[in-house]
Amino acid sequence: MLTISPIRALSDNYIWLIVRNTQGFVVDPGEPGPVLAALEAKEIQLSGILVTHHHFDHTGAVAALKTEAGCEVWGPPDSPAGPYDRTVTEGDTVSVLGVDFSVLNVPGHTLDHIAYYSSTEHALFCGDTLFVGGCGRVFEGTPPQMRGSLEKFRGLPPETLIFCAHEYTLANLRFARLVEPNNDALSAFLNACEAKRANDEPTVPSCISDELACNPFLRWDSPEIRETLAASGKLADDTPDGIFTAVREWKNSA
């Protein structure tokens, strides 16, 4: 029912354009110029803006686009970048061009972070919480909060498409190879993503099934990851939270 396509912005951001007929929504617009150019090229009227969290590379174009199009903005409550026209939190539903998206609270990267999920479109707009092969840095929350947020994503149907906000994939997957070097699915996925980037194609979206097979930040129950951490002296706490925290701290310094 909906068409979802990326608008490239800043150095490595994806602003997501959701279209039905001649109407569109954008997700996390950090830069107005590319959005306005895409809308003009496709002859799309901007009907709404979805925001996942307050960082400027996700909100920098909100005011300009709202002024230009006169549209409403949905975003989290108590957000430093708000207030928004409509604040939404877990349990709320947003109608996007006739399709319902459920809101999930996913704190960790920021405390105000939310995600938008449609079971009918098999689509998740997750901002900077989950990346292809990685996850966001834990800036405002705690590692257990972040793992709890990612646990929500682990429970989504395997065909769910992950529309994250950055092209960080190759660096993430190369790090994942250090964490889990004998993961054959990861090696194959890295090769496929390298081929896409060689052709200047986005690696996003991926799907939950790929992330469950390859993303070390969703694989805190992998025996090999636990063994790698323990062998390198990085595992101080042999629990799911401890394993996730150790992988996140390793990636921070990688």
C-alpha atoms as a PDB file:
ATOM      1  CA  MET A   1       0.000   0.000   0.000  1.00  0.00           C
ATOM      2  CA  LEU A   2       2.851   2.384   0.835  1.00  0.00           C
ATOM      3  CA  THR A   3       6.064   3.107  -1.049  1.00  0.00           C
ATOM      4  CA  ILE A   4       9.097   3.735   1.162  1.00  0.00           C
ATOM      5  CA  SER A   5      12.308   5.164  -0.272  1.00  0.00           C
ATOM      6  CA  PRO A   6      15.459   6.785   1.124  1.00  0.00           C
ATOM      7  CA  ILE A   7      16.464  10.403   0.770  1.00  0.00           C
ATOM      8  CA  ARG A   8      20.196  10.778   1.342  1.00  0.00           C
ATOM      9  CA  ALA A   9      21.174  13.667   3.584  1.00  0.00           C
ATOM     10  CA  LEU A  10      24.168  15.063   5.455  1.00  0.00           C
ATOM     11  CA  SER A  11      27.126  12.668   5.349  1.00  0.00           C
ATOM     12  CA  ASP A  12      25.430   9.298   5.915  1.00  0.00           C
ATOM     13  CA  ASN A  13      21.809   9.902   6.978  1.00  0.00           C
ATOM     14  CA  TYR A  14      18.717   8.392   5.434  1.00  0.00           C
ATOM     15  CA  ILE A  15      15.505  10.404   5.642  1.00  0.00           C
ATOM     16  CA  TRP A  16      12.658   8.028   4.826  1.00  0.00           C
ATOM     17  CA  LEU A  17       9.973   9.153   2.381  1.00  0.00           C
ATOM     18  CA  ILE A  18       6.657   7.300   2.741  1.00  0.00           C
ATOM     19  CA  VAL A  19       4.309   7.793  -0.215  1.00  0.00           C
ATOM     20  CA  ARG A  20       0.773   6.834  -1.117  1.00  0.00           C
ATOM     21  CA  ASN A  21      -0.511   8.289  -4.379  1.00  0.00           C
ATOM     22  CA  THR A  22       0.471  11.990  -4.236  1.00  0.00           C
ATOM     23  CA  GLN A  23       0.778  12.327  -0.456  1.00  0.00           C
ATOM     24  CA  GLY A  24       3.897  11.745   1.618  1.00  0.00           C
ATOM     25  CA  PHE A  25       5.352  11.576   5.114  1.00  0.00           C
ATOM     26  CA  VAL A  26       9.032  11.869   5.993  1.00  0.00           C
ATOM     27  CA  VAL A  27      10.823  10.289   8.937  1.00  0.00           C
ATOM     28  CA  ASP A  28      13.642  12.049  10.813  1.00  0.00           C
ATOM     29  CA  PRO A  29      14.387  14.919   8.410  1.00  0.00           C
ATOM     30  CA  GLY A  30      17.746  16.410   9.305  1.00  0.00           C
ATOM     31  CA  GLU A  31      18.228  18.538   6.193  1.00  0.00           C
ATOM     32  CA  PRO A  32      15.471  20.347   4.243  1.00  0.00           C
ATOM     33  CA  GLY A  33      17.048  20.672   0.790  1.00  0.00           C
ATOM     34  CA  PRO A  34      17.107  16.986  -0.201  1.00  0.00           C
ATOM     35  CA  VAL A  35      13.549  16.502   1.079  1.00  0.00           C
ATOM     36  CA  LEU A  36      12.154  19.449  -0.855  1.00  0.00           C
ATOM     37  CA  ALA A  37      13.987  18.296  -3.992  1.00  0.00           C
ATOM     38  CA  ALA A  38      12.584  14.774  -3.678  1.00  0.00           C
ATOM     39  CA  LEU A  39       9.041  16.037  -3.096  1.00  0.00           C
ATOM     40  CA  GLU A  40       9.251  18.307  -6.131  1.00  0.00           C
ATOM     41  CA  ALA A  41      10.729  15.606  -8.354  1.00  0.00           C
ATOM     42  CA  LYS A  42       8.018  13.105  -7.412  1.00  0.00           C
ATOM     43  CA  GLU A  43       5.223  15.727  -7.278  1.00  0.00           C
ATOM     44  CA  ILE A  44       4.398  14.743  -3.690  1.00  0.00           C
ATOM     45  CA  GLN A  45       2.576  16.879  -1.116  1.00  0.00           C
ATOM     46  CA  LEU A  46       4.107  16.566   2.351  1.00  0.00           C
ATOM     47  CA  SER A  47       1.330  15.524   4.752  1.00  0.00           C
ATOM     48  CA  GLY A  48       3.276  14.774   7.918  1.00  0.00           C
ATOM     49  CA  ILE A  49       6.605  14.271   9.679  1.00  0.00           C
ATOM     50  CA  LEU A  50       7.553  11.485  12.093  1.00  0.00           C
ATOM     51  CA  VAL A  51      10.407  12.070  14.556  1.00  0.00           C
ATOM     52  CA  THR A  52      12.102   9.265  16.508  1.00  0.00           C
ATOM     53  CA  HIS A  53      14.372  11.326  18.794  1.00  0.00           C
ATOM     54  CA  HIS A  54      15.742  14.801  19.324  1.00  0.00           C
ATOM     55  CA  HIS A  55      19.228  14.715  17.792  1.00  0.00           C
ATOM     56  CA  PHE A  56      19.695  17.523  15.275  1.00  0.00           C
ATOM     57  CA  ASP A  57      20.556  15.250  12.353  1.00  0.00           C
ATOM     58  CA  HIS A  58      17.008  13.875  12.730  1.00  0.00           C
ATOM     59  CA  THR A  59      15.153  17.120  13.466  1.00  0.00           C
ATOM     60  CA  GLY A  60      17.135  19.908  11.796  1.00  0.00           C
ATOM     61  CA  ALA A  61      14.670  20.259   8.911  1.00  0.00           C
ATOM     62  CA  VAL A  62      11.423  19.919  10.882  1.00  0.00           C
ATOM     63  CA  ALA A  63      10.707  23.646  11.276  1.00  0.00           C
ATOM     64  CA  ALA A  64      11.507  24.498   7.643  1.00  0.00           C
ATOM     65  CA  LEU A  65       9.433  21.631   6.244  1.00  0.00           C
ATOM     66  CA  LYS A  66       6.513  22.400   8.544  1.00  0.00           C
ATOM     67  CA  THR A  67       6.576  26.028   7.399  1.00  0.00           C
ATOM     68  CA  GLU A  68       6.816  25.029   3.748  1.00  0.00           C
ATOM     69  CA  ALA A  69       4.086  22.374   3.791  1.00  0.00           C
ATOM     70  CA  GLY A  70       1.890  23.345   6.730  1.00  0.00           C
ATOM     71  CA  CYS A  71       1.931  19.724   7.906  1.00  0.00           C
ATOM     72  CA  GLU A  72       1.769  18.224  11.397  1.00  0.00           C
ATOM     73  CA  VAL A  73       4.675  16.657  13.262  1.00  0.00           C
ATOM     74  CA  TRP A  74       4.533  13.556  15.472  1.00  0.00           C
ATOM     75  CA  GLY A  75       7.242  12.931  18.049  1.00  0.00           C
ATOM     76  CA  PRO A  76       7.985  11.837  21.614  1.00  0.00           C
ATOM     77  CA  PRO A  77       6.852  13.778  24.683  1.00  0.00           C
ATOM     78  CA  ASP A  78       9.334  15.639  26.880  1.00  0.00           C
ATOM     79  CA  SER A  79      11.744  15.909  23.959  1.00  0.00           C
ATOM     80  CA  PRO A  80      14.429  18.619  23.855  1.00  0.00           C
ATOM     81  CA  ALA A  81      13.512  19.212  20.204  1.00  0.00           C
ATOM     82  CA  GLY A  82       9.776  19.501  20.908  1.00  0.00           C
ATOM     83  CA  PRO A  83       7.077  20.306  21.543  1.00  0.00           C
ATOM     84  CA  TYR A  84       5.522  18.543  18.561  1.00  0.00           C
ATOM     85  CA  ASP A  85       2.006  18.975  17.215  1.00  0.00           C
ATOM     86  CA  ARG A  86       1.199  15.465  18.376  1.00  0.00           C
ATOM     87  CA  THR A  87       3.191  13.665  21.043  1.00  0.00           C
ATOM     88  CA  VAL A  88       3.061   9.872  21.011  1.00  0.00           C
ATOM     89  CA  THR A  89       4.343   7.146  23.292  1.00  0.00           C
ATOM     90  CA  GLU A  90       4.134   3.359  23.569  1.00  0.00           C
ATOM     91  CA  GLY A  91       0.564   2.180  23.159  1.00  0.00           C
ATOM     92  CA  ASP A  92      -0.328   5.017  20.789  1.00  0.00           C
ATOM     93  CA  THR A  93      -1.017   4.570  17.077  1.00  0.00           C
ATOM     94  CA  VAL A  94      -0.202   6.956  14.247  1.00  0.00           C
ATOM     95  CA  SER A  95      -2.173   6.791  10.997  1.00  0.00           C
ATOM     96  CA  VAL A  96       0.295   7.320   8.155  1.00  0.00           C
ATOM     97  CA  LEU A  97      -1.567   7.782   4.879  1.00  0.00           C
ATOM     98  CA  GLY A  98      -4.210   5.299   6.023  1.00  0.00           C
ATOM     99  CA  VAL A  99      -1.825   2.755   7.551  1.00  0.00           C
ATOM    100  CA  ASP A 100      -1.575   2.344  11.321  1.00  0.00           C
ATOM    101  CA  PHE A 101       1.866   2.452  12.918  1.00  0.00           C
ATOM    102  CA  SER A 102       2.258   1.428  16.557  1.00  0.00           C
ATOM    103  CA  VAL A 103       4.619   3.452  18.720  1.00  0.00           C
ATOM    104  CA  LEU A 104       7.322   1.713  20.794  1.00  0.00           C
ATOM    105  CA  ASN A 105       9.346   3.367  23.537  1.00  0.00           C
ATOM    106  CA  VAL A 106      12.991   2.444  22.939  1.00  0.00           C
ATOM    107  CA  PRO A 107      15.207   4.468  25.314  1.00  0.00           C
ATOM    108  CA  GLY A 108      18.960   4.026  25.382  1.00  0.00           C
ATOM    109  CA  HIS A 109      20.493   6.068  22.595  1.00  0.00           C
ATOM    110  CA  THR A 110      18.395   8.944  23.970  1.00  0.00           C
ATOM    111  CA  LEU A 111      15.774   8.882  26.695  1.00  0.00           C
ATOM    112  CA  ASP A 112      13.063  10.214  24.378  1.00  0.00           C
ATOM    113  CA  HIS A 113      13.667   7.688  21.584  1.00  0.00           C
ATOM    114  CA  ILE A 114      10.607   6.036  20.031  1.00  0.00           C
ATOM    115  CA  ALA A 115      10.062   3.787  17.009  1.00  0.00           C
ATOM    116  CA  TYR A 116       7.143   3.345  14.612  1.00  0.00           C
ATOM    117  CA  TYR A 117       6.043  -0.166  13.566  1.00  0.00           C
ATOM    118  CA  SER A 118       3.441  -1.357  11.043  1.00  0.00           C
ATOM    119  CA  SER A 119       2.499  -5.032  11.068  1.00  0.00           C
ATOM    120  CA  THR A 120       0.658  -4.689   7.752  1.00  0.00           C
ATOM    121  CA  GLU A 121       3.594  -3.025   5.966  1.00  0.00           C
ATOM    122  CA  HIS A 122       6.185  -5.136   7.859  1.00  0.00           C
ATOM    123  CA  ALA A 123       8.069  -1.884   8.461  1.00  0.00           C
ATOM    124  CA  LEU A 124       9.948  -0.494  11.459  1.00  0.00           C
ATOM    125  CA  PHE A 125      11.313   3.046  11.587  1.00  0.00           C
ATOM    126  CA  CYS A 126      13.850   2.746  14.382  1.00  0.00           C
ATOM    127  CA  GLY A 127      15.989   5.890  14.122  1.00  0.00           C
ATOM    128  CA  ASP A 128      19.334   5.286  15.812  1.00  0.00           C
ATOM    129  CA  THR A 129      18.328   2.414  18.106  1.00  0.00           C
ATOM    130  CA  LEU A 130      19.060  -0.434  15.678  1.00  0.00           C
ATOM    131  CA  PHE A 131      21.332  -0.281  12.639  1.00  0.00           C
ATOM    132  CA  VAL A 132      22.124  -2.905  10.025  1.00  0.00           C
ATOM    133  CA  GLY A 133      24.669  -5.001  11.904  1.00  0.00           C
ATOM    134  CA  GLY A 134      24.828  -2.599  14.846  1.00  0.00           C
ATOM    135  CA  CYS A 135      23.047  -0.347  17.300  1.00  0.00           C
ATOM    136  CA  GLY A 136      23.296   3.256  18.425  1.00  0.00           C
ATOM    137  CA  ARG A 137      25.674   4.469  21.086  1.00  0.00           C
ATOM    138  CA  VAL A 138      24.170   4.690  24.538  1.00  0.00           C
ATOM    139  CA  PHE A 139      24.293   8.444  25.127  1.00  0.00           C
ATOM    140  CA  GLU A 140      21.505   9.184  27.595  1.00  0.00           C
ATOM    141  CA  GLY A 141      20.186   5.857  28.828  1.00  0.00           C
ATOM    142  CA  THR A 142      21.912   2.771  30.202  1.00  0.00           C
ATOM    143  CA  PRO A 143      23.076  -0.412  28.460  1.00  0.00           C
ATOM    144  CA  PRO A 144      20.299  -2.452  30.144  1.00  0.00           C
ATOM    145  CA  GLN A 145      17.755   0.083  28.849  1.00  0.00           C
ATOM    146  CA  MET A 146      19.193  -0.219  25.354  1.00  0.00           C
ATOM    147  CA  ARG A 147      19.169  -4.017  25.473  1.00  0.00           C
ATOM    148  CA  GLY A 148      15.551  -3.911  26.654  1.00  0.00           C
ATOM    149  CA  SER A 149      14.679  -1.730  23.677  1.00  0.00           C
ATOM    150  CA  LEU A 150      16.423  -4.107  21.296  1.00  0.00           C
ATOM    151  CA  GLU A 151      14.618  -7.019  22.946  1.00  0.00           C
ATOM    152  CA  LYS A 152      11.371  -5.488  21.690  1.00  0.00           C
ATOM    153  CA  PHE A 153      12.740  -5.569  18.145  1.00  0.00           C
ATOM    154  CA  ARG A 154      13.911  -9.179  18.538  1.00  0.00           C
ATOM    155  CA  GLY A 155      10.277 -10.145  19.095  1.00  0.00           C
ATOM    156  CA  LEU A 156       9.001  -8.648  15.847  1.00  0.00           C
ATOM    157  CA  PRO A 157       8.187 -10.934  12.887  1.00  0.00           C
ATOM    158  CA  PRO A 158      11.329 -12.041  10.987  1.00  0.00           C
ATOM    159  CA  GLU A 159      10.167 -10.399   7.750  1.00  0.00           C
ATOM    160  CA  THR A 160       9.995  -6.958   9.381  1.00  0.00           C
ATOM    161  CA  LEU A 161      12.031  -4.422   7.400  1.00  0.00           C
ATOM    162  CA  ILE A 162      14.435  -2.255   9.392  1.00  0.00           C
ATOM    163  CA  PHE A 163      14.420   1.344   8.165  1.00  0.00           C
ATOM    164  CA  CYS A 164      17.231   2.811  10.247  1.00  0.00           C
ATOM    165  CA  ALA A 165      18.656   6.290   9.806  1.00  0.00           C
ATOM    166  CA  HIS A 166      22.333   5.818   8.881  1.00  0.00           C
ATOM    167  CA  GLU A 167      24.531   3.962   6.404  1.00  0.00           C
ATOM    168  CA  TYR A 168      26.905   2.445   8.967  1.00  0.00           C
ATOM    169  CA  THR A 169      26.579  -1.111   7.716  1.00  0.00           C
ATOM    170  CA  LEU A 170      30.044  -2.086   6.505  1.00  0.00           C
ATOM    171  CA  ALA A 171      31.822  -0.775   9.602  1.00  0.00           C
ATOM    172  CA  ASN A 172      29.244  -2.528  11.783  1.00  0.00           C
ATOM    173  CA  LEU A 173      29.542  -5.875  10.035  1.00  0.00           C
ATOM    174  CA  ARG A 174      33.335  -5.787   9.976  1.00  0.00           C
ATOM    175  CA  PHE A 175      33.264  -5.230  13.713  1.00  0.00           C
ATOM    176  CA  ALA A 176      30.752  -8.071  14.048  1.00  0.00           C
ATOM    177  CA  ARG A 177      33.274 -10.388  12.383  1.00  0.00           C
ATOM    178  CA  LEU A 178      35.690  -9.661  15.242  1.00  0.00           C
ATOM    179  CA  VAL A 179      33.031 -10.531  17.792  1.00  0.00           C
ATOM    180  CA  GLU A 180      31.763 -13.676  16.067  1.00  0.00           C
ATOM    181  CA  PRO A 181      34.371 -14.766  13.476  1.00  0.00           C
ATOM    182  CA  ASN A 182      32.860 -18.185  12.709  1.00  0.00           C
ATOM    183  CA  ASN A 183      29.371 -16.923  11.846  1.00  0.00           C
ATOM    184  CA  ASP A 184      28.895 -18.045   8.223  1.00  0.00           C
ATOM    185  CA  ALA A 185      25.618 -16.125   7.825  1.00  0.00           C
ATOM    186  CA  LEU A 186      27.444 -12.962   8.869  1.00  0.00           C
ATOM    187  CA  SER A 187      30.210 -13.516   6.308  1.00  0.00           C
ATOM    188  CA  ALA A 188      27.675 -14.002   3.513  1.00  0.00           C
ATOM    189  CA  PHE A 189      25.694 -10.948   4.608  1.00  0.00           C
ATOM    190  CA  LEU A 190      28.839  -8.807   4.713  1.00  0.00           C
ATOM    191  CA  ASN A 191      29.747  -9.887   1.188  1.00  0.00           C
ATOM    192  CA  ALA A 192      26.272  -8.994  -0.072  1.00  0.00           C
ATOM    193  CA  CYS A 193      26.385  -5.589   1.609  1.00  0.00           C
ATOM    194  CA  GLU A 194      29.868  -4.867   0.254  1.00  0.00           C
ATOM    195  CA  ALA A 195      28.558  -5.550  -3.251  1.00  0.00           C
ATOM    196  CA  LYS A 196      25.692  -3.105  -2.718  1.00  0.00           C
ATOM    197  CA  ARG A 197      28.000  -0.363  -1.481  1.00  0.00           C
ATOM    198  CA  ALA A 198      30.388  -0.954  -4.399  1.00  0.00           C
ATOM    199  CA  ASN A 199      27.433  -0.019  -6.625  1.00  0.00           C
ATOM    200  CA  ASP A 200      26.517   2.930  -4.359  1.00  0.00           C
ATOM    201  CA  GLU A 201      23.313   1.175  -3.317  1.00  0.00           C
ATOM    202  CA  PRO A 202      21.880   1.485   0.210  1.00  0.00           C
ATOM    203  CA  THR A 203      22.206  -1.533   2.474  1.00  0.00           C
ATOM    204  CA  VAL A 204      19.086  -0.364   4.289  1.00  0.00           C
ATOM    205  CA  PRO A 205      16.523  -1.750   4.852  1.00  0.00           C
ATOM    206  CA  SER A 206      17.575  -5.093   6.200  1.00  0.00           C
ATOM    207  CA  CYS A 207      15.114  -7.393   7.957  1.00  0.00           C
ATOM    208  CA  ILE A 208      14.813  -8.749  11.462  1.00  0.00           C
ATOM    209  CA  SER A 209      15.807 -12.252  10.327  1.00  0.00           C
ATOM    210  CA  ASP A 210      19.138 -10.920   8.981  1.00  0.00           C
ATOM    211  CA  GLU A 211      19.757  -8.972  12.171  1.00  0.00           C
ATOM    212  CA  LEU A 212      18.993 -11.956  14.391  1.00  0.00           C
ATOM    213  CA  ALA A 213      21.497 -14.012  12.379  1.00  0.00           C
ATOM    214  CA  CYS A 214      24.270 -11.412  12.095  1.00  0.00           C
ATOM    215  CA  ASN A 215      23.966  -8.455  14.465  1.00  0.00           C
ATOM    216  CA  PRO A 216      26.053  -8.981  17.639  1.00  0.00           C
ATOM    217  CA  PHE A 217      23.928  -6.459  19.547  1.00  0.00           C
ATOM    218  CA  LEU A 218      20.936  -8.788  19.170  1.00  0.00           C
ATOM    219  CA  ARG A 219      22.942 -11.971  19.787  1.00  0.00           C
ATOM    220  CA  TRP A 220      23.750 -11.765  23.493  1.00  0.00           C
ATOM    221  CA  ASP A 221      22.790 -15.469  23.729  1.00  0.00           C
ATOM    222  CA  SER A 222      25.424 -16.574  21.181  1.00  0.00           C
ATOM    223  CA  PRO A 223      27.934 -18.995  22.771  1.00  0.00           C
ATOM    224  CA  GLU A 224      30.689 -17.826  20.414  1.00  0.00           C
ATOM    225  CA  ILE A 225      30.208 -14.161  21.337  1.00  0.00           C
ATOM    226  CA  ARG A 226      30.356 -15.058  25.019  1.00  0.00           C
ATOM    227  CA  GLU A 227      33.518 -17.105  24.449  1.00  0.00           C
ATOM    228  CA  THR A 228      35.172 -14.322  22.425  1.00  0.00           C
ATOM    229  CA  LEU A 229      34.464 -11.793  25.156  1.00  0.00           C
ATOM    230  CA  ALA A 230      35.645 -14.095  27.914  1.00  0.00           C
ATOM    231  CA  ALA A 231      38.837 -15.063  26.077  1.00  0.00           C
ATOM    232  CA  SER A 232      39.751 -11.408  25.535  1.00  0.00           C
ATOM    233  CA  GLY A 233      39.062 -10.413  29.137  1.00  0.00           C
ATOM    234  CA  LYS A 234      36.125  -8.198  28.161  1.00  0.00           C
ATOM    235  CA  LEU A 235      33.361 -10.113  29.949  1.00  0.00           C
ATOM    236  CA  ALA A 236      32.995  -8.806  33.492  1.00  0.00           C
ATOM    237  CA  ASP A 237      29.352  -9.871  33.923  1.00  0.00           C
ATOM    238  CA  ASP A 238      28.177 -13.153  32.382  1.00  0.00           C
ATOM    239  CA  THR A 239      24.543 -12.122  31.925  1.00  0.00           C
ATOM    240  CA  PRO A 240      22.606 -10.892  28.868  1.00  0.00           C
ATOM    241  CA  ASP A 241      23.040  -7.291  30.061  1.00  0.00           C
ATOM    242  CA  GLY A 242      26.727  -7.914  30.744  1.00  0.00           C
ATOM    243  CA  ILE A 243      27.334  -9.460  27.325  1.00  0.00           C
ATOM    244  CA  PHE A 244      25.519  -6.633  25.554  1.00  0.00           C
ATOM    245  CA  THR A 245      27.410  -4.026  27.582  1.00  0.00           C
ATOM    246  CA  ALA A 246      30.764  -5.630  26.808  1.00  0.00           C
ATOM    247  CA  VAL A 247      30.057  -5.690  23.053  1.00  0.00           C
ATOM    248  CA  ARG A 248      28.867  -2.059  23.129  1.00  0.00           C
ATOM    249  CA  GLU A 249      31.960  -0.917  25.046  1.00  0.00           C
ATOM    250  CA  TRP A 250      34.210  -2.827  22.631  1.00  0.00           C
ATOM    251  CA  LYS A 251      32.531  -1.162  19.646  1.00  0.00           C
ATOM    252  CA  ASN A 252      32.872   2.269  21.300  1.00  0.00           C
ATOM    253  CA  SER A 253      36.641   1.892  21.297  1.00  0.00           C
ATOM    254  CA  ALA A 254      37.051  -0.076  18.068  1.00  0.00           C
END
